[in-house]
C-alpha atoms as a PDB file:
ATOM      1  CA  MET A   1     216.363   7.725  34.629  1.00  0.00           C
ATOM      2  CA  ASN A   2     214.771   9.572  37.432  1.00  0.00           C
ATOM      3  CA  THR A   3     211.382   9.873  36.659  1.00  0.00           C
ATOM      4  CA  LEU A   4     208.799  11.617  38.611  1.00  0.00           C
ATOM      5  CA  LEU A   5     204.990   9.935  38.517  1.00  0.00           C
ATOM      6  CA  ILE A   6     202.243  12.966  39.284  1.00  0.00           C
ATOM      7  CA  GLY A   7     198.612  11.531  40.542  1.00  0.00           C
ATOM      8  CA  GLU A   8     197.222   8.083  39.593  1.00  0.00           C
ATOM      9  CA  ILE A   9     197.679   5.635  36.706  1.00  0.00           C
ATOM     10  CA  HIS A  10     196.911   2.226  35.792  1.00  0.00           C
ATOM     11  CA  PRO A  11     198.625  -0.120  38.112  1.00  0.00           C
ATOM     12  CA  ASP A  12     200.362  -2.271  35.376  1.00  0.00           C
ATOM     13  CA  ALA A  13     202.004   0.878  34.060  1.00  0.00           C
ATOM     14  CA  LYS A  14     202.868   2.179  37.717  1.00  0.00           C
ATOM     15  CA  ILE A  15     204.697  -1.175  37.889  1.00  0.00           C
ATOM     16  CA  LEU A  16     206.439  -0.804  34.149  1.00  0.00           C
ATOM     17  CA  LEU A  17     207.634   2.327  35.580  1.00  0.00           C
ATOM     18  CA  GLU A  18     208.817   0.866  39.207  1.00  0.00           C
ATOM     19  CA  GLN A  19     210.667  -2.141  37.654  1.00  0.00           C
ATOM     20  CA  ASN A  20     212.863   0.321  35.126  1.00  0.00           C
ATOM     21  CA  THR A  21     213.434   3.752  36.597  1.00  0.00           C
ATOM     22  CA  LYS A  22     214.087   5.523  39.953  1.00  0.00           C
ATOM     23  CA  LEU A  23     210.632   6.425  40.627  1.00  0.00           C
ATOM     24  CA  THR A  24     208.918   9.067  42.893  1.00  0.00           C
ATOM     25  CA  LYS A  25     205.335   9.182  43.034  1.00  0.00           C
ATOM     26  CA  ILE A  26     203.613  12.469  44.457  1.00  0.00           C
ATOM     27  CA  THR A  27     199.968  13.894  44.157  1.00  0.00           C
ATOM     28  CA  ASN A  28     198.765  16.984  42.179  1.00  0.00           C
ATOM     29  CA  ASP A  29     199.044  19.148  45.433  1.00  0.00           C
ATOM     30  CA  GLN A  30     202.550  17.846  46.243  1.00  0.00           C
ATOM     31  CA  PHE A  31     203.680  19.055  42.735  1.00  0.00           C
ATOM     32  CA  SER A  32     201.866  22.222  43.209  1.00  0.00           C
ATOM     33  CA  GLN A  33     203.607  23.202  47.029  1.00  0.00           C
ATOM     34  CA  ILE A  34     207.279  21.558  46.046  1.00  0.00           C
ATOM     35  CA  ILE A  35     209.320  24.030  44.633  1.00  0.00           C
ATOM     36  CA  SER A  36     212.051  22.556  42.549  1.00  0.00           C
ATOM     37  CA  PHE A  37     212.747  19.152  41.542  1.00  0.00           C
ATOM     38  CA  PRO A  38     216.482  19.070  40.604  1.00  0.00           C
ATOM     39  CA  GLU A  39     217.048  15.489  39.990  1.00  0.00           C
ATOM     40  CA  ILE A  40     214.089  14.976  37.794  1.00  0.00           C
ATOM     41  CA  GLU A  41     214.360  13.526  34.248  1.00  0.00           C
ATOM     42  CA  ALA A  42     211.275  12.529  33.530  1.00  0.00           C
ATOM     43  CA  VAL A  43     207.776  12.797  33.978  1.00  0.00           C
ATOM     44  CA  VAL A  44     204.323  11.000  34.154  1.00  0.00           C
ATOM     45  CA  LEU A  45     201.426  12.532  34.139  1.00  0.00           C
ATOM     46  CA  ARG A  46     197.533  12.575  32.905  1.00  0.00           C
ATOM     47  CA  THR A  47     195.445  15.597  32.121  1.00  0.00           C
ATOM     48  CA  PHE A  48     194.263  16.473  35.656  1.00  0.00           C
ATOM     49  CA  THR A  49     198.522  17.951  35.947  1.00  0.00           C
ATOM     50  CA  PRO A  50     199.212  21.043  34.246  1.00  0.00           C
ATOM     51  CA  LEU A  51     202.375  21.219  33.112  1.00  0.00           C
ATOM     52  CA  LYS A  52     203.121  24.862  31.792  1.00  0.00           C
ATOM     53  CA  ALA A  53     206.071  27.381  32.089  1.00  0.00           C
ATOM     54  CA  ALA A  54     206.053  27.771  36.072  1.00  0.00           C
ATOM     55  CA  GLU A  55     205.611  24.416  36.581  1.00  0.00           C
ATOM     56  CA  LEU A  56     208.248  23.826  34.005  1.00  0.00           C
ATOM     57  CA  GLN A  57     210.750  26.004  35.586  1.00  0.00           C
ATOM     58  CA  LYS A  58     210.558  23.658  38.578  1.00  0.00           C
ATOM     59  CA  LEU A  59     212.132  20.871  36.493  1.00  0.00           C
ATOM     60  CA  PRO A  60     215.351  21.964  35.326  1.00  0.00           C
ATOM     61  CA  ARG A  61     216.681  18.521  34.026  1.00  0.00           C
ATOM     62  CA  LEU A  62     213.486  17.086  32.486  1.00  0.00           C
ATOM     63  CA  LYS A  63     214.219  15.672  28.841  1.00  0.00           C
ATOM     64  CA  CYS A  64     211.035  13.771  28.469  1.00  0.00           C
ATOM     65  CA  VAL A  65     206.863  13.924  29.078  1.00  0.00           C
ATOM     66  CA  VAL A  66     205.073  11.006  29.269  1.00  0.00           C
ATOM     67  CA  ILE A  67     201.574  11.691  29.320  1.00  0.00           C
ATOM     68  CA  CYS A  68     198.848   8.866  30.331  1.00  0.00           C
ATOM     69  CA  SER A  69     195.976  10.564  28.524  1.00  0.00           C
ATOM     70  CA  VAL A  70     194.702  11.635  25.247  1.00  0.00           C
ATOM     71  CA  GLY A  71     194.186  15.628  25.431  1.00  0.00           C
ATOM     72  CA  THR A  72     197.436  17.564  25.706  1.00  0.00           C
ATOM     73  CA  ASP A  73     195.813  20.766  26.895  1.00  0.00           C
ATOM     74  CA  ASN A  74     197.170  20.564  29.977  1.00  0.00           C
ATOM     75  CA  LEU A  75     200.683  21.102  28.162  1.00  0.00           C
ATOM     76  CA  ASP A  76     202.496  23.862  26.876  1.00  0.00           C
ATOM     77  CA  LEU A  77     203.418  22.110  23.650  1.00  0.00           C
ATOM     78  CA  GLU A  78     205.475  24.928  22.113  1.00  0.00           C
ATOM     79  CA  LEU A  79     207.680  25.234  24.934  1.00  0.00           C
ATOM     80  CA  LEU A  80     208.478  21.462  25.070  1.00  0.00           C
ATOM     81  CA  LYS A  81     209.653  21.660  21.776  1.00  0.00           C
ATOM     82  CA  GLN A  82     211.743  24.819  22.392  1.00  0.00           C
ATOM     83  CA  LYS A  83     213.044  23.176  25.218  1.00  0.00           C
ATOM     84  CA  ASN A  84     213.959  19.874  23.214  1.00  0.00           C
ATOM     85  CA  ILE A  85     211.857  17.919  25.738  1.00  0.00           C
ATOM     86  CA  ARG A  86     210.402  14.828  24.392  1.00  0.00           C
ATOM     87  CA  LEU A  87     206.839  14.211  24.716  1.00  0.00           C
ATOM     88  CA  ILE A  88     205.386  10.978  24.524  1.00  0.00           C
ATOM     89  CA  HIS A  89     201.695  10.737  23.478  1.00  0.00           C
ATOM     90  CA  CYS A  90     199.303   8.035  22.253  1.00  0.00           C
ATOM     91  CA  PRO A  91     196.323   9.132  20.774  1.00  0.00           C
ATOM     92  CA  GLY A  92     193.006   7.729  20.211  1.00  0.00           C
ATOM     93  CA  THR A  93     193.801   4.675  23.161  1.00  0.00           C
ATOM     94  CA  ASN A  94     190.406   6.022  25.076  1.00  0.00           C
ATOM     95  CA  ALA A  95     188.372   6.428  22.069  1.00  0.00           C
ATOM     96  CA  ASN A  96     186.569   3.320  22.590  1.00  0.00           C
ATOM     97  CA  SER A  97     185.658   4.190  26.007  1.00  0.00           C
ATOM     98  CA  VAL A  98     184.531   7.708  24.986  1.00  0.00           C
ATOM     99  CA  ALA A  99     182.445   6.431  22.084  1.00  0.00           C
ATOM    100  CA  GLU A 100     180.345   3.922  24.127  1.00  0.00           C
ATOM    101  CA  HIS A 101     179.707   6.757  26.233  1.00  0.00           C
ATOM    102  CA  THR A 102     178.332   8.974  23.807  1.00  0.00           C
ATOM    103  CA  LEU A 103     176.250   6.568  22.966  1.00  0.00           C
ATOM    104  CA  TYR A 104     175.103   6.043  26.739  1.00  0.00           C
ATOM    105  CA  LEU A 105     174.181   9.907  26.911  1.00  0.00           C
ATOM    106  CA  MET A 106     172.447   9.578  23.727  1.00  0.00           C
ATOM    107  CA  LEU A 107     170.031   6.705  24.355  1.00  0.00           C
ATOM    108  CA  SER A 108     169.541   7.894  28.130  1.00  0.00           C
ATOM    109  CA  LEU A 109     168.545  11.304  26.796  1.00  0.00           C
ATOM    110  CA  LEU A 110     166.123   9.509  23.826  1.00  0.00           C
ATOM    111  CA  ARG A 111     164.497   8.028  27.161  1.00  0.00           C
ATOM    112  CA  GLU A 112     163.483  11.321  28.721  1.00  0.00           C
ATOM    113  CA  ASP A 113     160.251  10.525  30.355  1.00  0.00           C
ATOM    114  CA  SER A 114     159.725   6.444  31.270  1.00  0.00           C
ATOM    115  CA  LYS A 115     156.045   7.519  31.842  1.00  0.00           C
ATOM    116  CA  LYS A 116     155.908   8.506  27.798  1.00  0.00           C
ATOM    117  CA  PRO A 117     156.713   6.678  24.667  1.00  0.00           C
ATOM    118  CA  PHE A 118     160.629   7.752  24.145  1.00  0.00           C
ATOM    119  CA  ALA A 119     162.296   9.250  20.857  1.00  0.00           C
ATOM    120  CA  GLU A 120     164.553   5.903  19.243  1.00  0.00           C
ATOM    121  CA  LEU A 121     168.065   6.007  17.117  1.00  0.00           C
ATOM    122  CA  LYS A 122     166.644   4.589  14.565  1.00  0.00           C
ATOM    123  CA  GLY A 123     166.052   6.870  11.522  1.00  0.00           C
ATOM    124  CA  LYS A 124     167.517   9.382  13.723  1.00  0.00           C
ATOM    125  CA  THR A 125     170.061  12.008  11.370  1.00  0.00           C
ATOM    126  CA  VAL A 126     173.271  12.015  14.235  1.00  0.00           C
ATOM    127  CA  GLY A 127     175.724  14.428  13.589  1.00  0.00           C
ATOM    128  CA  ILE A 128     179.295  13.778  14.241  1.00  0.00           C
ATOM    129  CA  LEU A 129     181.443  17.311  14.727  1.00  0.00           C
ATOM    130  CA  GLY A 130     184.808  16.473  14.776  1.00  0.00           C
ATOM    131  CA  PHE A 131     185.418  12.723  12.834  1.00  0.00           C
ATOM    132  CA  GLY A 132     188.767  11.734  14.091  1.00  0.00           C
ATOM    133  CA  ALA A 133     189.191   8.276  16.029  1.00  0.00           C
ATOM    134  CA  ILE A 134     186.283   8.584  18.729  1.00  0.00           C
ATOM    135  CA  GLY A 135     184.286  10.281  15.755  1.00  0.00           C
ATOM    136  CA  LYS A 136     184.527   7.427  13.853  1.00  0.00           C
ATOM    137  CA  ILE A 137     184.236   4.682  16.175  1.00  0.00           C
ATOM    138  CA  VAL A 138     180.989   6.343  17.383  1.00  0.00           C
ATOM    139  CA  ALA A 139     180.340   6.092  13.687  1.00  0.00           C
ATOM    140  CA  LYS A 140     181.089   2.454  13.321  1.00  0.00           C
ATOM    141  CA  LYS A 141     178.619   1.835  16.550  1.00  0.00           C
ATOM    142  CA  LEU A 142     175.714   4.033  14.834  1.00  0.00           C
ATOM    143  CA  GLN A 143     175.091   1.707  12.202  1.00  0.00           C
ATOM    144  CA  GLY A 144     173.738  -0.728  14.464  1.00  0.00           C
ATOM    145  CA  PHE A 145     171.391   1.278  15.341  1.00  0.00           C
ATOM    146  CA  GLU A 146     170.176   2.283  11.978  1.00  0.00           C
ATOM    147  CA  ALA A 147     170.407   5.984  12.656  1.00  0.00           C
ATOM    148  CA  LYS A 148     172.049   8.344   9.314  1.00  0.00           C
ATOM    149  CA  VAL A 149     174.991   9.929  10.552  1.00  0.00           C
ATOM    150  CA  LEU A 150     176.455  13.246   9.105  1.00  0.00           C
ATOM    151  CA  ALA A 151     180.413  14.183   9.813  1.00  0.00           C
ATOM    152  CA  PHE A 152     182.244  16.945   9.588  1.00  0.00           C
ATOM    153  CA  ASP A 153     185.974  17.424   9.847  1.00  0.00           C
ATOM    154  CA  VAL A 154     189.019  20.526   9.219  1.00  0.00           C
ATOM    155  CA  ILE A 155     190.933  17.204   8.355  1.00  0.00           C
ATOM    156  CA  PRO A 156     190.814  15.848   5.121  1.00  0.00           C
ATOM    157  CA  GLN A 157     188.965  12.011   5.275  1.00  0.00           C
ATOM    158  CA  ASP A 158     190.082   8.990   3.834  1.00  0.00           C
ATOM    159  CA  PRO A 159     187.247   8.350   1.355  1.00  0.00           C
ATOM    160  CA  GLU A 160     187.151   4.567   1.297  1.00  0.00           C
ATOM    161  CA  VAL A 161     186.628   4.769   5.545  1.00  0.00           C
ATOM    162  CA  VAL A 162     183.905   7.016   5.361  1.00  0.00           C
ATOM    163  CA  LYS A 163     182.412   4.969   2.661  1.00  0.00           C
ATOM    164  CA  GLN A 164     182.746   1.641   5.084  1.00  0.00           C
ATOM    165  CA  LEU A 165     181.331   3.630   7.814  1.00  0.00           C
ATOM    166  CA  HIS A 166     178.095   4.989   6.073  1.00  0.00           C
ATOM    167  CA  VAL A 167     178.781   8.469   6.880  1.00  0.00           C
ATOM    168  CA  THR A 168     177.956  11.491   4.636  1.00  0.00           C
ATOM    169  CA  MET A 169     180.836  14.148   4.871  1.00  0.00           C
ATOM    170  CA  VAL A 170     179.806  17.800   4.856  1.00  0.00           C
ATOM    171  CA  ASP A 171     180.044  21.132   6.005  1.00  0.00           C
ATOM    172  CA  GLN A 172     179.652  22.111   8.999  1.00  0.00           C
ATOM    173  CA  ASP A 173     176.658  24.296   8.514  1.00  0.00           C
ATOM    174  CA  SER A 174     175.040  21.560   6.691  1.00  0.00           C
ATOM    175  CA  LEU A 175     176.086  19.289   9.614  1.00  0.00           C
ATOM    176  CA  LEU A 176     174.099  22.074  12.452  1.00  0.00           C
ATOM    177  CA  LYS A 177     170.851  22.400  10.160  1.00  0.00           C
ATOM    178  CA  GLU A 178     170.131  19.175   9.055  1.00  0.00           C
ATOM    179  CA  VAL A 179     170.861  16.765  12.260  1.00  0.00           C
ATOM    180  CA  GLU A 180     168.352  15.763  15.642  1.00  0.00           C
ATOM    181  CA  ILE A 181     171.380  15.052  17.485  1.00  0.00           C
ATOM    182  CA  ILE A 182     174.487  16.246  17.331  1.00  0.00           C
ATOM    183  CA  THR A 183     178.135  14.880  19.111  1.00  0.00           C
ATOM    184  CA  VAL A 184     180.866  16.800  19.439  1.00  0.00           C
ATOM    185  CA  HIS A 185     184.418  15.178  19.101  1.00  0.00           C
ATOM    186  CA  VAL A 186     187.242  17.763  18.927  1.00  0.00           C
ATOM    187  CA  PRO A 187     190.547  18.562  20.774  1.00  0.00           C
ATOM    188  CA  LEU A 188     190.713  21.631  22.791  1.00  0.00           C
ATOM    189  CA  ASN A 189     193.509  23.949  21.491  1.00  0.00           C
ATOM    190  CA  LYS A 190     194.035  27.714  20.290  1.00  0.00           C
ATOM    191  CA  TYR A 191     191.388  27.167  17.143  1.00  0.00           C
ATOM    192  CA  THR A 192     188.767  24.985  18.694  1.00  0.00           C
ATOM    193  CA  GLU A 193     188.220  27.403  21.902  1.00  0.00           C
ATOM    194  CA  LYS A 194     184.206  28.175  22.015  1.00  0.00           C
ATOM    195  CA  ILE A 195     184.228  26.713  18.311  1.00  0.00           C
ATOM    196  CA  VAL A 196     180.917  25.590  19.065  1.00  0.00           C
ATOM    197  CA  ASN A 197     179.205  28.815  19.874  1.00  0.00           C
ATOM    198  CA  LYS A 198     175.774  31.013  19.701  1.00  0.00           C
ATOM    199  CA  ARG A 199     175.752  31.359  15.973  1.00  0.00           C
ATOM    200  CA  CYS A 200     176.019  27.414  15.262  1.00  0.00           C
ATOM    201  CA  PHE A 201     173.347  26.828  18.147  1.00  0.00           C
ATOM    202  CA  SER A 202     171.018  29.207  16.260  1.00  0.00           C
ATOM    203  CA  GLN A 203     171.641  26.971  13.628  1.00  0.00           C
ATOM    204  CA  MET A 204     170.534  23.556  14.773  1.00  0.00           C
ATOM    205  CA  ARG A 205     167.340  22.376  15.015  1.00  0.00           C
ATOM    206  CA  ASP A 206     164.761  23.379  17.298  1.00  0.00           C
ATOM    207  CA  ASN A 207     164.089  19.751  19.740  1.00  0.00           C
ATOM    208  CA  SER A 208     167.318  18.646  18.986  1.00  0.00           C
ATOM    209  CA  PHE A 209     169.288  16.975  21.250  1.00  0.00           C
ATOM    210  CA  PHE A 210     173.278  17.650  22.241  1.00  0.00           C
ATOM    211  CA  VAL A 211     175.764  16.105  23.571  1.00  0.00           C
ATOM    212  CA  ASN A 212     179.825  16.708  24.526  1.00  0.00           C
ATOM    213  CA  THR A 213     182.272  14.131  25.789  1.00  0.00           C
ATOM    214  CA  SER A 214     185.213  16.345  24.358  1.00  0.00           C
ATOM    215  CA  ARG A 215     186.451  19.679  26.342  1.00  0.00           C
ATOM    216  CA  ALA A 216     183.912  22.200  28.165  1.00  0.00           C
ATOM    217  CA  GLU A 217     185.983  24.534  26.518  1.00  0.00           C
ATOM    218  CA  VAL A 218     185.009  24.163  23.082  1.00  0.00           C
ATOM    219  CA  ILE A 219     181.426  25.208  23.894  1.00  0.00           C
ATOM    220  CA  ASP A 220     180.169  28.684  24.634  1.00  0.00           C
ATOM    221  CA  GLU A 221     178.337  27.504  28.670  1.00  0.00           C
ATOM    222  CA  GLU A 222     176.699  30.490  28.140  1.00  0.00           C
ATOM    223  CA  ALA A 223     175.401  30.296  24.658  1.00  0.00           C
ATOM    224  CA  LEU A 224     174.250  26.618  25.513  1.00  0.00           C
ATOM    225  CA  ILE A 225     172.459  27.843  28.541  1.00  0.00           C
ATOM    226  CA  ASP A 226     170.910  30.568  27.290  1.00  0.00           C
ATOM    227  CA  GLU A 227     169.301  28.368  23.900  1.00  0.00           C
ATOM    228  CA  TRP A 228     168.716  25.577  26.793  1.00  0.00           C
ATOM    229  CA  LYS A 229     166.309  28.415  28.930  1.00  0.00           C
ATOM    230  CA  LYS A 230     164.608  29.050  25.551  1.00  0.00           C
ATOM    231  CA  GLY A 231     163.782  25.683  25.074  1.00  0.00           C
ATOM    232  CA  LYS A 232     165.611  24.667  21.714  1.00  0.00           C
ATOM    233  CA  PHE A 233     167.113  21.653  23.030  1.00  0.00           C
ATOM    234  CA  ARG A 234     165.009  18.397  23.735  1.00  0.00           C
ATOM    235  CA  GLY A 235     168.087  17.548  26.121  1.00  0.00           C
ATOM    236  CA  VAL A 236     171.663  17.881  26.824  1.00  0.00           C
ATOM    237  CA  GLY A 237     174.237  15.873  27.721  1.00  0.00           C
ATOM    238  CA  VAL A 238     177.823  16.419  28.994  1.00  0.00           C
ATOM    239  CA  ASP A 239     180.778  14.623  30.248  1.00  0.00           C
ATOM    240  CA  VAL A 240     182.553  17.966  31.212  1.00  0.00           C
ATOM    241  CA  CYS A 241     181.660  21.261  31.903  1.00  0.00           C
ATOM    242  CA  SER A 242     182.748  24.123  34.213  1.00  0.00           C
ATOM    243  CA  GLU A 243     180.835  24.614  37.806  1.00  0.00           C
ATOM    244  CA  ASN A 244     179.455  27.418  36.594  1.00  0.00           C
ATOM    245  CA  PHE A 245     177.178  25.775  34.137  1.00  0.00           C
ATOM    246  CA  ALA A 246     176.218  22.777  36.254  1.00  0.00           C
ATOM    247  CA  LEU A 247     174.802  25.404  38.817  1.00  0.00           C
ATOM    248  CA  LYS A 248     173.057  27.197  35.636  1.00  0.00           C
ATOM    249  CA  ILE A 249     172.223  24.920  33.326  1.00  0.00           C
ATOM    250  CA  GLY A 250     168.582  24.209  35.714  1.00  0.00           C
ATOM    251  CA  GLU A 251     166.755  21.048  35.569  1.00  0.00           C
ATOM    252  CA  GLY A 252     165.104  19.072  32.703  1.00  0.00           C
ATOM    253  CA  ASN A 253     166.536  16.589  30.323  1.00  0.00           C
ATOM    254  CA  VAL A 254     169.980  17.393  31.255  1.00  0.00           C
ATOM    255  CA  ILE A 255     172.481  14.808  32.006  1.00  0.00           C
ATOM    256  CA  ILE A 256     176.350  15.695  33.472  1.00  0.00           C
ATOM    257  CA  THR A 257     178.580  13.156  34.086  1.00  0.00           C
ATOM    258  CA  ASP A 258     182.109  14.032  35.950  1.00  0.00           C
ATOM    259  CA  HIS A 259     184.689  13.237  32.984  1.00  0.00           C
ATOM    260  CA  CYS A 260     184.503  10.029  33.185  1.00  0.00           C
ATOM    261  CA  ALA A 261     183.720   9.214  29.409  1.00  0.00           C
ATOM    262  CA  ALA A 262     187.770   8.099  29.093  1.00  0.00           C
ATOM    263  CA  GLN A 263     187.721   5.747  32.384  1.00  0.00           C
ATOM    264  CA  GLY A 264     186.155   2.511  30.420  1.00  0.00           C
ATOM    265  CA  GLU A 265     188.576  -0.456  32.313  1.00  0.00           C
ATOM    266  CA  ASP A 266     190.429  -1.362  28.951  1.00  0.00           C
ATOM    267  CA  SER A 267     190.848   1.934  27.447  1.00  0.00           C
ATOM    268  CA  PHE A 268     191.945   3.356  30.867  1.00  0.00           C
ATOM    269  CA  ARG A 269     194.460   0.401  31.098  1.00  0.00           C
ATOM    270  CA  GLU A 270     195.768   0.989  27.609  1.00  0.00           C
ATOM    271  CA  GLN A 271     195.976   5.087  27.890  1.00  0.00           C
ATOM    272  CA  CYS A 272     198.375   4.512  30.982  1.00  0.00           C
ATOM    273  CA  VAL A 273     199.930   0.993  29.768  1.00  0.00           C
ATOM    274  CA  LYS A 274     200.575   2.312  26.252  1.00  0.00           C
ATOM    275  CA  PRO A 275     202.754   5.604  26.465  1.00  0.00           C
ATOM    276  CA  VAL A 276     204.821   4.302  29.348  1.00  0.00           C
ATOM    277  CA  GLU A 277     205.691   1.154  27.335  1.00  0.00           C
ATOM    278  CA  GLU A 278     206.977   3.560  24.577  1.00  0.00           C
ATOM    279  CA  PHE A 279     208.899   5.208  27.228  1.00  0.00           C
ATOM    280  CA  MET A 280     210.328   1.815  28.244  1.00  0.00           C
ATOM    281  CA  LYS A 281     211.673   2.147  24.647  1.00  0.00           C
ATOM    282  CA  ILE A 282     213.257   4.974  24.577  1.00  0.00           C
ATOM    283  CA  LEU A 283     215.108   4.020  27.863  1.00  0.00           C
ATOM    284  CA  GLU A 284     216.060   0.581  26.004  1.00  0.00           C
ATOM    285  CA  ARG A 285     217.552   2.402  23.186  1.00  0.00           C
ATOM    286  CA  ASP A 286     219.236   5.255  24.970  1.00  0.00           C
END
């Protein structure tokens, strides 16, 4: 199958594509500049490459999209469905890496001043907003720190899993009001854009810690900046944010990492290799 690889993926996944498809490799910049790819039947990409209406027009023979990322907000999912273009997506493959990064941000924020005794996770009430694959692994890791964990999700949870993780499921308002540390793990879609907003921030406890390793767009950044400057939070850690946020948030106990939470060595390999392997299975069947 004529396959287009846009950007960089794990070398093991690239080898599979080279061995089993007629592969063309280009950068994101090249993809944006080239008008048409008339022979391409499959595209392999990551979340950094938009593939919406304008881009899909460049690919008249496209049959399959393989995304080597967990987020799909760079894709026009409805249009792919309308065009009967198959999507190969393996959610959860980066969950451990993001969960570990979340703990890194929490622990780093707690150690805000090396000259003073620092806050500890033990005994803290941690709120997990979004209890999917990543949220559950965060909860599991927090067990070892003897933290109390509350969680909220719009999707009903398996009571047995919740019990095993020693988590208390609560409504969103209760979570916001009760926790000392909140970490956000929701996907970006039309329902979650700015889901954490001024109203949410106003409900949170003073001197709490705020962590986001999901998407920048699920946060009302202007509201977060405003609350930070008012002294609402003891620390803020984000893995994703707009350039404007980074410029305006100012100094203090703030940690900004460059969208690297999912880049753990093992997780990065899995989120690239697993969807490519699924793609190989489809090629064998067809």
